């Protein structure tokens, strides 16, 4: 059993899902393997609402998985997001999840790739 901020997790899998669970967190994390500006991330995830991306980025930052850097040297304001050292520990996990998805897409006849 694990506990963070008085919230209990019955096993290490549930603890892991606290960090990367939900529909978009793992997707955002894999896109942030390379540092990105907010607008680049938005363009790569057009099916995700701006509000959802903002909320997920805030949660990922609060959990210490990503860092946010605001550049105020000249207008317009620019914001970069990148994985922290802690976030980088997830790269092997994220790559395995992505590879599993590719293999599943290849083998499941119900899945059609859209280009």
PDB file of N, CA and C in Angstrom:
ATOM      1  N   UNK A   1       0.856  -1.173   0.000  1.00  0.00           N
ATOM      2  CA  UNK A   1       0.000   0.000   0.000  1.00  0.00           C
ATOM      3  C   UNK A   1       0.899   1.233   0.000  1.00  0.00           C
ATOM      4  N   UNK A   2       0.488   2.239  -0.764  1.00  0.00           N
ATOM      5  CA  UNK A   2       1.223   3.497  -0.862  1.00  0.00           C
ATOM      6  C   UNK A   2       0.278   4.648  -0.546  1.00  0.00           C
ATOM      7  N   UNK A   3       0.836   5.775  -0.117  1.00  0.00           N
ATOM      8  CA  UNK A   3       0.019   6.927   0.229  1.00  0.00           C
ATOM      9  C   UNK A   3       0.730   8.206  -0.209  1.00  0.00           C
ATOM     10  N   UNK A   4       0.004   9.070  -0.930  1.00  0.00           N
ATOM     11  CA  UNK A   4       0.504  10.393  -1.305  1.00  0.00           C
ATOM     12  C   UNK A   4      -0.585  11.389  -0.935  1.00  0.00           C
ATOM     13  N   UNK A   5      -0.220  12.392  -0.151  1.00  0.00           N
ATOM     14  CA  UNK A   5      -1.173  13.438   0.240  1.00  0.00           C
ATOM     15  C   UNK A   5      -2.494  12.846   0.744  1.00  0.00           C
ATOM     16  N   UNK A   6      -2.391  11.859   1.596  1.00  0.00           N
ATOM     17  CA  UNK A   6      -3.544  11.185   2.214  1.00  0.00           C
ATOM     18  C   UNK A   6      -4.390  10.381   1.232  1.00  0.00           C
ATOM     19  N   UNK A   7      -3.916  10.204   0.005  1.00  0.00           N
ATOM     20  CA  UNK A   7      -4.629   9.347  -0.941  1.00  0.00           C
ATOM     21  C   UNK A   7      -3.887   8.015  -0.998  1.00  0.00           C
ATOM     22  N   UNK A   8      -4.631   6.933  -0.840  1.00  0.00           N
ATOM     23  CA  UNK A   8      -4.022   5.603  -0.792  1.00  0.00           C
ATOM     24  C   UNK A   8      -4.060   4.908  -2.149  1.00  0.00           C
ATOM     25  N   UNK A   9      -3.015   4.157  -2.414  1.00  0.00           N
ATOM     26  CA  UNK A   9      -2.894   3.366  -3.634  1.00  0.00           C
ATOM     27  C   UNK A   9      -2.590   1.933  -3.210  1.00  0.00           C
ATOM     28  N   UNK A  10      -3.422   0.975  -3.638  1.00  0.00           N
ATOM     29  CA  UNK A  10      -3.278  -0.389  -3.157  1.00  0.00           C
ATOM     30  C   UNK A  10      -2.046  -1.129  -3.686  1.00  0.00           C
ATOM     31  N   UNK A  11      -1.466  -0.639  -4.800  1.00  0.00           N
ATOM     32  CA  UNK A  11      -0.319  -1.345  -5.370  1.00  0.00           C
ATOM     33  C   UNK A  11       0.509  -0.380  -6.207  1.00  0.00           C
ATOM     34  N   UNK A  12       1.674  -0.839  -6.648  1.00  0.00           N
ATOM     35  CA  UNK A  12       2.556   0.019  -7.433  1.00  0.00           C
ATOM     36  C   UNK A  12       1.959   0.374  -8.794  1.00  0.00           C
ATOM     37  N   UNK A  13       1.127  -0.502  -9.356  1.00  0.00           N
ATOM     38  CA  UNK A  13       0.481  -0.196 -10.636  1.00  0.00           C
ATOM     39  C   UNK A  13      -0.472   0.985 -10.478  1.00  0.00           C
ATOM     40  N   UNK A  14      -1.253   0.996  -9.418  1.00  0.00           N
ATOM     41  CA  UNK A  14      -2.172   2.113  -9.206  1.00  0.00           C
ATOM     42  C   UNK A  14      -1.397   3.398  -8.930  1.00  0.00           C
ATOM     43  N   UNK A  15      -0.257   3.296  -8.274  1.00  0.00           N
ATOM     44  CA  UNK A  15       0.597   4.460  -8.043  1.00  0.00           C
ATOM     45  C   UNK A  15       1.130   4.993  -9.374  1.00  0.00           C
ATOM     46  N   UNK A  16       1.577   4.119 -10.244  1.00  0.00           N
ATOM     47  CA  UNK A  16       2.068   4.520 -11.566  1.00  0.00           C
ATOM     48  C   UNK A  16       0.962   5.215 -12.349  1.00  0.00           C
ATOM     49  N   UNK A  17      -0.240   4.665 -12.306  1.00  0.00           N
ATOM     50  CA  UNK A  17      -1.355   5.239 -13.052  1.00  0.00           C
ATOM     51  C   UNK A  17      -1.771   6.599 -12.501  1.00  0.00           C
ATOM     52  N   UNK A  18      -1.466   6.868 -11.236  1.00  0.00           N
ATOM     53  CA  UNK A  18      -1.708   8.199 -10.684  1.00  0.00           C
ATOM     54  C   UNK A  18      -0.915   9.232 -11.472  1.00  0.00           C
ATOM     55  N   UNK A  19       0.279   8.862 -11.898  1.00  0.00           N
ATOM     56  CA  UNK A  19       1.140   9.778 -12.640  1.00  0.00           C
ATOM     57  C   UNK A  19       0.805   9.839 -14.127  1.00  0.00           C
ATOM     58  N   UNK A  20       0.520   8.695 -14.752  1.00  0.00           N
ATOM     59  CA  UNK A  20       0.360   8.690 -16.213  1.00  0.00           C
ATOM     60  C   UNK A  20      -1.036   8.298 -16.675  1.00  0.00           C
ATOM     61  N   UNK A  21      -1.941   8.069 -15.740  1.00  0.00           N
ATOM     62  CA  UNK A  21      -3.289   7.637 -16.094  1.00  0.00           C
ATOM     63  C   UNK A  21      -4.100   8.739 -16.752  1.00  0.00           C
ATOM     64  N   UNK A  22      -5.206   8.363 -17.293  1.00  0.00           N
ATOM     65  CA  UNK A  22      -6.046   9.306 -18.006  1.00  0.00           C
ATOM     66  C   UNK A  22      -5.800   9.179 -19.499  1.00  0.00           C
ATOM     67  N   UNK A  23      -6.640   9.812 -20.252  1.00  0.00           N
ATOM     68  CA  UNK A  23      -6.607   9.638 -21.697  1.00  0.00           C
ATOM     69  C   UNK A  23      -5.407  10.301 -22.364  1.00  0.00           C
ATOM     70  N   UNK A  24      -4.904  11.410 -21.810  1.00  0.00           N
ATOM     71  CA  UNK A  24      -3.911  12.189 -22.543  1.00  0.00           C
ATOM     72  C   UNK A  24      -2.547  12.333 -21.882  1.00  0.00           C
ATOM     73  N   UNK A  25      -2.390  11.999 -20.612  1.00  0.00           N
ATOM     74  CA  UNK A  25      -1.103  12.235 -19.950  1.00  0.00           C
ATOM     75  C   UNK A  25       0.049  11.491 -20.619  1.00  0.00           C
ATOM     76  N   UNK A  26      -0.107  10.214 -20.871  1.00  0.00           N
ATOM     77  CA  UNK A  26       0.976   9.449 -21.495  1.00  0.00           C
ATOM     78  C   UNK A  26       1.260   9.980 -22.900  1.00  0.00           C
ATOM     79  N   UNK A  27       0.222  10.392 -23.609  1.00  0.00           N
ATOM     80  CA  UNK A  27       0.390  10.939 -24.962  1.00  0.00           C
ATOM     81  C   UNK A  27       1.192  12.231 -24.893  1.00  0.00           C
ATOM     82  N   UNK A  28       0.847  13.102 -23.964  1.00  0.00           N
ATOM     83  CA  UNK A  28       1.585  14.354 -23.799  1.00  0.00           C
ATOM     84  C   UNK A  28       3.027  14.064 -23.424  1.00  0.00           C
ATOM     85  N   UNK A  29       3.224  13.144 -22.508  1.00  0.00           N
ATOM     86  CA  UNK A  29       4.586  12.814 -22.080  1.00  0.00           C
ATOM     87  C   UNK A  29       5.444  12.306 -23.232  1.00  0.00           C
ATOM     88  N   UNK A  30       4.899  11.443 -24.062  1.00  0.00           N
ATOM     89  CA  UNK A  30       5.705  10.911 -25.170  1.00  0.00           C
ATOM     90  C   UNK A  30       6.030  12.015 -26.175  1.00  0.00           C
ATOM     91  N   UNK A  31       5.129  12.982 -26.329  1.00  0.00           N
ATOM     92  CA  UNK A  31       5.411  14.119 -27.214  1.00  0.00           C
ATOM     93  C   UNK A  31       6.454  15.051 -26.609  1.00  0.00           C
ATOM     94  N   UNK A  32       6.604  15.010 -25.294  1.00  0.00           N
ATOM     95  CA  UNK A  32       7.581  15.875 -24.632  1.00  0.00           C
ATOM     96  C   UNK A  32       8.932  15.209 -24.400  1.00  0.00           C
ATOM     97  N   UNK A  33       9.157  14.059 -25.034  1.00  0.00           N
ATOM     98  CA  UNK A  33      10.498  13.471 -24.971  1.00  0.00           C
ATOM     99  C   UNK A  33      11.495  14.496 -25.527  1.00  0.00           C
ATOM    100  N   UNK A  34      11.040  15.254 -26.514  1.00  0.00           N
ATOM    101  CA  UNK A  34      11.807  16.399 -27.013  1.00  0.00           C
ATOM    102  C   UNK A  34      11.122  17.658 -26.476  1.00  0.00           C
ATOM    103  N   UNK A  35      11.908  18.629 -26.025  1.00  0.00           N
ATOM    104  CA  UNK A  35      11.338  19.883 -25.518  1.00  0.00           C
ATOM    105  C   UNK A  35      10.442  20.510 -26.578  1.00  0.00           C
ATOM    106  N   UNK A  36       9.300  21.027 -26.133  1.00  0.00           N
ATOM    107  CA  UNK A  36       8.336  21.624 -27.062  1.00  0.00           C
ATOM    108  C   UNK A  36       7.796  22.925 -26.492  1.00  0.00           C
ATOM    109  N   UNK A  37       7.465  23.814 -27.384  1.00  0.00           N
ATOM    110  CA  UNK A  37       6.695  25.002 -27.017  1.00  0.00           C
ATOM    111  C   UNK A  37       5.235  24.575 -26.945  1.00  0.00           C
ATOM    112  N   UNK A  38       4.474  25.323 -26.179  1.00  0.00           N
ATOM    113  CA  UNK A  38       3.064  24.995 -25.999  1.00  0.00           C
ATOM    114  C   UNK A  38       2.355  24.883 -27.353  1.00  0.00           C
ATOM    115  N   UNK A  39       2.590  25.835 -28.244  1.00  0.00           N
ATOM    116  CA  UNK A  39       1.907  25.824 -29.545  1.00  0.00           C
ATOM    117  C   UNK A  39       2.295  24.617 -30.399  1.00  0.00           C
ATOM    118  N   UNK A  40       3.540  24.157 -30.300  1.00  0.00           N
ATOM    119  CA  UNK A  40       3.945  22.950 -31.025  1.00  0.00           C
ATOM    120  C   UNK A  40       3.153  21.744 -30.520  1.00  0.00           C
ATOM    121  N   UNK A  41       3.025  21.656 -29.217  1.00  0.00           N
ATOM    122  CA  UNK A  41       2.277  20.557 -28.612  1.00  0.00           C
ATOM    123  C   UNK A  41       0.822  20.594 -29.051  1.00  0.00           C
ATOM    124  N   UNK A  42       0.231  21.781 -29.063  1.00  0.00           N
ATOM    125  CA  UNK A  42      -1.161  21.927 -29.514  1.00  0.00           C
ATOM    126  C   UNK A  42      -1.333  21.448 -30.947  1.00  0.00           C
ATOM    127  N   UNK A  43      -0.390  21.777 -31.819  1.00  0.00           N
ATOM    128  CA  UNK A  43      -0.479  21.370 -33.226  1.00  0.00           C
ATOM    129  C   UNK A  43      -0.361  19.856 -33.378  1.00  0.00           C
ATOM    130  N   UNK A  44       0.434  19.229 -32.516  1.00  0.00           N
ATOM    131  CA  UNK A  44       0.611  17.776 -32.587  1.00  0.00           C
ATOM    132  C   UNK A  44      -0.578  17.013 -32.019  1.00  0.00           C
ATOM    133  N   UNK A  45      -1.412  17.684 -31.248  1.00  0.00           N
ATOM    134  CA  UNK A  45      -2.565  17.044 -30.607  1.00  0.00           C
ATOM    135  C   UNK A  45      -3.848  17.813 -30.926  1.00  0.00           C
ATOM    136  N   UNK A  46      -4.210  17.916 -32.211  1.00  0.00           N
ATOM    137  CA  UNK A  46      -5.356  18.752 -32.576  1.00  0.00           C
ATOM    138  C   UNK A  46      -6.695  18.246 -32.043  1.00  0.00           C
ATOM    139  N   UNK A  47      -6.775  16.962 -31.698  1.00  0.00           N
ATOM    140  CA  UNK A  47      -8.039  16.414 -31.214  1.00  0.00           C
ATOM    141  C   UNK A  47      -8.255  16.654 -29.716  1.00  0.00           C
ATOM    142  N   UNK A  48      -7.250  17.230 -29.050  1.00  0.00           N
ATOM    143  CA  UNK A  48      -7.348  17.493 -27.616  1.00  0.00           C
ATOM    144  C   UNK A  48      -7.665  18.974 -27.430  1.00  0.00           C
ATOM    145  N   UNK A  49      -8.630  19.263 -26.576  1.00  0.00           N
ATOM    146  CA  UNK A  49      -8.991  20.667 -26.368  1.00  0.00           C
ATOM    147  C   UNK A  49      -7.865  21.398 -25.638  1.00  0.00           C
ATOM    148  N   UNK A  50      -7.816  22.697 -25.849  1.00  0.00           N
ATOM    149  CA  UNK A  50      -6.809  23.526 -25.198  1.00  0.00           C
ATOM    150  C   UNK A  50      -6.929  23.433 -23.675  1.00  0.00           C
ATOM    151  N   UNK A  51      -8.158  23.414 -23.193  1.00  0.00           N
ATOM    152  CA  UNK A  51      -8.390  23.301 -21.747  1.00  0.00           C
ATOM    153  C   UNK A  51      -7.831  21.990 -21.191  1.00  0.00           C
ATOM    154  N   UNK A  52      -8.065  20.900 -21.905  1.00  0.00           N
ATOM    155  CA  UNK A  52      -7.578  19.597 -21.452  1.00  0.00           C
ATOM    156  C   UNK A  52      -6.054  19.567 -21.435  1.00  0.00           C
ATOM    157  N   UNK A  53      -5.438  20.067 -22.502  1.00  0.00           N
ATOM    158  CA  UNK A  53      -3.969  20.090 -22.527  1.00  0.00           C
ATOM    159  C   UNK A  53      -3.445  20.915 -21.358  1.00  0.00           C
ATOM    160  N   UNK A  54      -4.025  22.077 -21.136  1.00  0.00           N
ATOM    161  CA  UNK A  54      -3.572  22.943 -20.045  1.00  0.00           C
ATOM    162  C   UNK A  54      -3.708  22.257 -18.687  1.00  0.00           C
ATOM    163  N   UNK A  55      -4.840  21.610 -18.453  1.00  0.00           N
ATOM    164  CA  UNK A  55      -5.047  20.913 -17.174  1.00  0.00           C
ATOM    165  C   UNK A  55      -4.067  19.759 -16.998  1.00  0.00           C
ATOM    166  N   UNK A  56      -3.854  18.983 -18.055  1.00  0.00           N
ATOM    167  CA  UNK A  56      -2.942  17.848 -17.969  1.00  0.00           C
ATOM    168  C   UNK A  56      -1.502  18.319 -17.758  1.00  0.00           C
ATOM    169  N   UNK A  57      -1.106  19.388 -18.456  1.00  0.00           N
ATOM    170  CA  UNK A  57       0.241  19.938 -18.264  1.00  0.00           C
ATOM    171  C   UNK A  57       0.434  20.407 -16.827  1.00  0.00           C
ATOM    172  N   UNK A  58      -0.581  21.043 -16.274  1.00  0.00           N
ATOM    173  CA  UNK A  58      -0.492  21.519 -14.885  1.00  0.00           C
ATOM    174  C   UNK A  58      -0.318  20.345 -13.925  1.00  0.00           C
ATOM    175  N   UNK A  59      -1.094  19.282 -14.112  1.00  0.00           N
ATOM    176  CA  UNK A  59      -0.982  18.105 -13.244  1.00  0.00           C
ATOM    177  C   UNK A  59       0.390  17.438 -13.398  1.00  0.00           C
ATOM    178  N   UNK A  60       0.863  17.325 -14.635  1.00  0.00           N
ATOM    179  CA  UNK A  60       2.173  16.707 -14.872  1.00  0.00           C
ATOM    180  C   UNK A  60       3.287  17.532 -14.230  1.00  0.00           C
ATOM    181  N   UNK A  61       3.147  18.848 -14.271  1.00  0.00           N
ATOM    182  CA  UNK A  61       4.130  19.722 -13.625  1.00  0.00           C
ATOM    183  C   UNK A  61       4.059  19.581 -12.106  1.00  0.00           C
ATOM    184  N   UNK A  62       2.853  19.560 -11.557  1.00  0.00           N
ATOM    185  CA  UNK A  62       2.680  19.392 -10.107  1.00  0.00           C
ATOM    186  C   UNK A  62       3.265  18.071  -9.623  1.00  0.00           C
ATOM    187  N   UNK A  63       3.175  17.033 -10.462  1.00  0.00           N
ATOM    188  CA  UNK A  63       3.717  15.725 -10.104  1.00  0.00           C
ATOM    189  C   UNK A  63       5.225  15.627 -10.348  1.00  0.00           C
ATOM    190  N   UNK A  64       5.817  16.675 -10.894  1.00  0.00           N
ATOM    191  CA  UNK A  64       7.270  16.695 -11.085  1.00  0.00           C
ATOM    192  C   UNK A  64       7.753  15.977 -12.323  1.00  0.00           C
ATOM    193  N   UNK A  65       6.841  15.642 -13.246  1.00  0.00           N
ATOM    194  CA  UNK A  65       7.236  14.914 -14.457  1.00  0.00           C
ATOM    195  C   UNK A  65       7.698  15.841 -15.578  1.00  0.00           C
ATOM    196  N   UNK A  66       7.193  17.068 -15.591  1.00  0.00           N
ATOM    197  CA  UNK A  66       7.604  18.024 -16.612  1.00  0.00           C
ATOM    198  C   UNK A  66       7.951  19.353 -15.949  1.00  0.00           C
ATOM    199  N   UNK A  67       8.724  20.147 -16.677  1.00  0.00           N
ATOM    200  CA  UNK A  67       9.001  21.512 -16.215  1.00  0.00           C
ATOM    201  C   UNK A  67       8.478  22.482 -17.253  1.00  0.00           C
ATOM    202  N   UNK A  68       8.125  23.649 -16.777  1.00  0.00           N
ATOM    203  CA  UNK A  68       7.565  24.711 -17.610  1.00  0.00           C
ATOM    204  C   UNK A  68       8.496  25.907 -17.495  1.00  0.00           C
ATOM    205  N   UNK A  69       8.945  26.423 -18.643  1.00  0.00           N
ATOM    206  CA  UNK A  69       9.812  27.588 -18.658  1.00  0.00           C
ATOM    207  C   UNK A  69       9.133  28.688 -19.454  1.00  0.00           C
ATOM    208  N   UNK A  70       8.968  29.839 -18.822  1.00  0.00           N
ATOM    209  CA  UNK A  70       8.351  30.991 -19.477  1.00  0.00           C
ATOM    210  C   UNK A  70       9.457  31.943 -19.916  1.00  0.00           C
ATOM    211  N   UNK A  71       9.453  32.292 -21.201  1.00  0.00           N
ATOM    212  CA  UNK A  71      10.423  33.239 -21.755  1.00  0.00           C
ATOM    213  C   UNK A  71       9.721  34.577 -21.915  1.00  0.00           C
ATOM    214  N   UNK A  72      10.140  35.557 -21.124  1.00  0.00           N
ATOM    215  CA  UNK A  72       9.481  36.862 -21.136  1.00  0.00           C
ATOM    216  C   UNK A  72      10.360  37.944 -21.756  1.00  0.00           C
ATOM    217  N   UNK A  73      11.435  37.547 -22.416  1.00  0.00           N
ATOM    218  CA  UNK A  73      12.384  38.532 -22.930  1.00  0.00           C
ATOM    219  C   UNK A  73      11.775  39.477 -23.953  1.00  0.00           C
ATOM    220  N   UNK A  74      10.863  38.990 -24.749  1.00  0.00           N
ATOM    221  CA  UNK A  74      10.189  39.863 -25.712  1.00  0.00           C
ATOM    222  C   UNK A  74       8.825  39.274 -26.036  1.00  0.00           C
ATOM    223  N   UNK A  75       7.867  40.129 -26.326  1.00  0.00           N
ATOM    224  CA  UNK A  75       6.557  39.618 -26.748  1.00  0.00           C
ATOM    225  C   UNK A  75       6.680  38.944 -28.104  1.00  0.00           C
ATOM    226  N   UNK A  76       5.876  37.970 -28.435  1.00  0.00           N
ATOM    227  CA  UNK A  76       4.891  37.357 -27.548  1.00  0.00           C
ATOM    228  C   UNK A  76       5.545  36.398 -26.560  1.00  0.00           C
ATOM    229  N   UNK A  77       4.858  36.182 -25.471  1.00  0.00           N
ATOM    230  CA  UNK A  77       5.309  35.276 -24.427  1.00  0.00           C
ATOM    231  C   UNK A  77       5.490  33.875 -24.994  1.00  0.00           C
ATOM    232  N   UNK A  78       6.597  33.217 -24.643  1.00  0.00           N
ATOM    233  CA  UNK A  78       6.831  31.850 -25.110  1.00  0.00           C
ATOM    234  C   UNK A  78       6.994  30.942 -23.905  1.00  0.00           C
ATOM    235  N   UNK A  79       6.380  29.754 -23.990  1.00  0.00           N
ATOM    236  CA  UNK A  79       6.432  28.786 -22.899  1.00  0.00           C
ATOM    237  C   UNK A  79       6.927  27.459 -23.450  1.00  0.00           C
ATOM    238  N   UNK A  80       7.975  26.924 -22.819  1.00  0.00           N
ATOM    239  CA  UNK A  80       8.519  25.619 -23.179  1.00  0.00           C
ATOM    240  C   UNK A  80       8.136  24.601 -22.119  1.00  0.00           C
ATOM    241  N   UNK A  81       7.910  23.373 -22.570  1.00  0.00           N
ATOM    242  CA  UNK A  81       7.680  22.250 -21.668  1.00  0.00           C
ATOM    243  C   UNK A  81       8.681  21.160 -22.010  1.00  0.00           C
ATOM    244  N   UNK A  82       9.203  20.503 -20.987  1.00  0.00           N
ATOM    245  CA  UNK A  82      10.102  19.379 -21.203  1.00  0.00           C
ATOM    246  C   UNK A  82      10.043  18.441 -20.008  1.00  0.00           C
ATOM    247  N   UNK A  83      10.475  17.215 -20.240  1.00  0.00           N
ATOM    248  CA  UNK A  83      10.507  16.234 -19.160  1.00  0.00           C
ATOM    249  C   UNK A  83      11.584  16.612 -18.155  1.00  0.00           C
ATOM    250  N   UNK A  84      11.293  16.412 -16.892  1.00  0.00           N
ATOM    251  CA  UNK A  84      12.301  16.551 -15.842  1.00  0.00           C
ATOM    252  C   UNK A  84      13.114  15.255 -15.814  1.00  0.00           C
ATOM    253  N   UNK A  85      14.140  15.220 -14.977  1.00  0.00           N
ATOM    254  CA  UNK A  85      14.887  13.969 -14.817  1.00  0.00           C
ATOM    255  C   UNK A  85      13.953  12.853 -14.350  1.00  0.00           C
ATOM    256  N   UNK A  86      13.055  13.179 -13.430  1.00  0.00           N
ATOM    257  CA  UNK A  86      12.068  12.208 -12.959  1.00  0.00           C
ATOM    258  C   UNK A  86      11.177  11.763 -14.116  1.00  0.00           C
ATOM    259  N   UNK A  87      10.715  12.697 -14.925  1.00  0.00           N
ATOM    260  CA  UNK A  87       9.879  12.375 -16.083  1.00  0.00           C
ATOM    261  C   UNK A  87      10.606  11.502 -17.094  1.00  0.00           C
ATOM    262  N   UNK A  88      11.903  11.737 -17.252  1.00  0.00           N
ATOM    263  CA  UNK A  88      12.693  10.944 -18.208  1.00  0.00           C
ATOM    264  C   UNK A  88      12.770   9.467 -17.807  1.00  0.00           C
ATOM    265  N   UNK A  89      12.556   9.176 -16.526  1.00  0.00           N
ATOM    266  CA  UNK A  89      12.568   7.767 -16.107  1.00  0.00           C
ATOM    267  C   UNK A  89      11.403   7.005 -16.717  1.00  0.00           C
ATOM    268  N   UNK A  90      10.392   7.731 -17.221  1.00  0.00           N
ATOM    269  CA  UNK A  90       9.229   7.094 -17.853  1.00  0.00           C
ATOM    270  C   UNK A  90       9.436   6.777 -19.336  1.00  0.00           C
ATOM    271  N   UNK A  91      10.496   7.298 -19.946  1.00  0.00           N
ATOM    272  CA  UNK A  91      10.685   7.105 -21.389  1.00  0.00           C
ATOM    273  C   UNK A  91      10.641   5.628 -21.785  1.00  0.00           C
ATOM    274  N   UNK A  92      11.359   4.723 -21.109  1.00  0.00           N
ATOM    275  CA  UNK A  92      11.260   3.312 -21.514  1.00  0.00           C
ATOM    276  C   UNK A  92       9.839   2.765 -21.415  1.00  0.00           C
ATOM    277  N   UNK A  93       9.103   3.160 -20.394  1.00  0.00           N
ATOM    278  CA  UNK A  93       7.725   2.710 -20.216  1.00  0.00           C
ATOM    279  C   UNK A  93       6.854   3.246 -21.355  1.00  0.00           C
ATOM    280  N   UNK A  94       6.996   4.520 -21.666  1.00  0.00           N
ATOM    281  CA  UNK A  94       6.210   5.141 -22.728  1.00  0.00           C
ATOM    282  C   UNK A  94       6.501   4.503 -24.083  1.00  0.00           C
ATOM    283  N   UNK A  95       7.764   4.190 -24.329  1.00  0.00           N
ATOM    284  CA  UNK A  95       8.122   3.563 -25.603  1.00  0.00           C
ATOM    285  C   UNK A  95       7.530   2.155 -25.714  1.00  0.00           C
ATOM    286  N   UNK A  96       7.512   1.415 -24.625  1.00  0.00           N
ATOM    287  CA  UNK A  96       6.901   0.083 -24.635  1.00  0.00           C
ATOM    288  C   UNK A  96       5.400   0.199 -24.902  1.00  0.00           C
ATOM    289  N   UNK A  97       4.750   1.176 -24.284  1.00  0.00           N
ATOM    290  CA  UNK A  97       3.320   1.380 -24.520  1.00  0.00           C
ATOM    291  C   UNK A  97       3.076   1.730 -25.984  1.00  0.00           C
ATOM    292  N   UNK A  98       3.896   2.627 -26.546  1.00  0.00           N
ATOM    293  CA  UNK A  98       3.746   3.016 -27.956  1.00  0.00           C
ATOM    294  C   UNK A  98       3.988   1.826 -28.880  1.00  0.00           C
ATOM    295  N   UNK A  99       5.008   1.040 -28.594  1.00  0.00           N
ATOM    296  CA  UNK A  99       5.299  -0.147 -29.424  1.00  0.00           C
ATOM    297  C   UNK A  99       4.158  -1.153 -29.355  1.00  0.00           C
ATOM    298  N   UNK A 100       3.600  -1.345 -28.171  1.00  0.00           N
ATOM    299  CA  UNK A 100       2.464  -2.256 -28.025  1.00  0.00           C
ATOM    300  C   UNK A 100       1.301  -1.767 -28.876  1.00  0.00           C
ATOM    301  N   UNK A 101       1.039  -0.466 -28.864  1.00  0.00           N
ATOM    302  CA  UNK A 101      -0.038   0.097 -29.671  1.00  0.00           C
ATOM    303  C   UNK A 101       0.192  -0.112 -31.161  1.00  0.00           C
ATOM    304  N   UNK A 102       1.431   0.087 -31.625  1.00  0.00           N
ATOM    305  CA  UNK A 102       1.756  -0.127 -33.044  1.00  0.00           C
ATOM    306  C   UNK A 102       1.532  -1.587 -33.435  1.00  0.00           C
ATOM    307  N   UNK A 103       1.977  -2.483 -32.593  1.00  0.00           N
ATOM    308  CA  UNK A 103       1.825  -3.917 -32.879  1.00  0.00           C
ATOM    309  C   UNK A 103       0.352  -4.311 -32.877  1.00  0.00           C
ATOM    310  N   UNK A 104      -0.400  -3.783 -31.940  1.00  0.00           N
ATOM    311  CA  UNK A 104      -1.829  -4.063 -31.873  1.00  0.00           C
ATOM    312  C   UNK A 104      -2.529  -3.536 -33.122  1.00  0.00           C
ATOM    313  N   UNK A 105      -2.169  -2.313 -33.541  1.00  0.00           N
ATOM    314  CA  UNK A 105      -2.771  -1.719 -34.738  1.00  0.00           C
ATOM    315  C   UNK A 105      -2.476  -2.557 -35.975  1.00  0.00           C
ATOM    316  N   UNK A 106      -1.304  -3.146 -36.021  1.00  0.00           N
ATOM    317  CA  UNK A 106      -0.917  -3.973 -37.159  1.00  0.00           C
ATOM    318  C   UNK A 106      -1.695  -5.290 -37.188  1.00  0.00           C
ATOM    319  N   UNK A 107      -1.985  -5.841 -36.020  1.00  0.00           N
ATOM    320  CA  UNK A 107      -2.574  -7.180 -35.944  1.00  0.00           C
ATOM    321  C   UNK A 107      -4.093  -7.222 -35.765  1.00  0.00           C
ATOM    322  N   UNK A 108      -4.680  -6.133 -35.349  1.00  0.00           N
ATOM    323  CA  UNK A 108      -6.129  -6.092 -35.120  1.00  0.00           C
ATOM    324  C   UNK A 108      -6.801  -5.548 -36.367  1.00  0.00           C
ATOM    325  N   UNK A 109      -7.537  -6.386 -37.054  1.00  0.00           N
ATOM    326  CA  UNK A 109      -8.149  -6.033 -38.342  1.00  0.00           C
ATOM    327  C   UNK A 109      -9.200  -4.930 -38.208  1.00  0.00           C
ATOM    328  N   UNK A 110      -9.683  -4.692 -37.004  1.00  0.00           N
ATOM    329  CA  UNK A 110     -10.672  -3.630 -36.805  1.00  0.00           C
ATOM    330  C   UNK A 110     -10.054  -2.242 -36.837  1.00  0.00           C
ATOM    331  N   UNK A 111      -8.740  -2.161 -36.671  1.00  0.00           N
ATOM    332  CA  UNK A 111      -8.061  -0.881 -36.570  1.00  0.00           C
ATOM    333  C   UNK A 111      -7.580  -0.441 -37.947  1.00  0.00           C
ATOM    334  N   UNK A 112      -7.939   0.761 -38.319  1.00  0.00           N
ATOM    335  CA  UNK A 112      -7.523   1.351 -39.592  1.00  0.00           C
ATOM    336  C   UNK A 112      -6.626   2.556 -39.306  1.00  0.00           C
ATOM    337  N   UNK A 113      -5.490   2.622 -39.985  1.00  0.00           N
ATOM    338  CA  UNK A 113      -4.600   3.772 -39.830  1.00  0.00           C
ATOM    339  C   UNK A 113      -5.116   4.920 -40.695  1.00  0.00           C
ATOM    340  N   UNK A 114      -5.160   6.105 -40.104  1.00  0.00           N
ATOM    341  CA  UNK A 114      -5.597   7.310 -40.821  1.00  0.00           C
ATOM    342  C   UNK A 114      -4.372   8.174 -41.054  1.00  0.00           C
ATOM    343  N   UNK A 115      -4.193   8.585 -42.285  1.00  0.00           N
ATOM    344  CA  UNK A 115      -3.018   9.433 -42.586  1.00  0.00           C
ATOM    345  C   UNK A 115      -3.403  10.824 -42.948  1.00  0.00           C
TER     346      UNK A 115
END
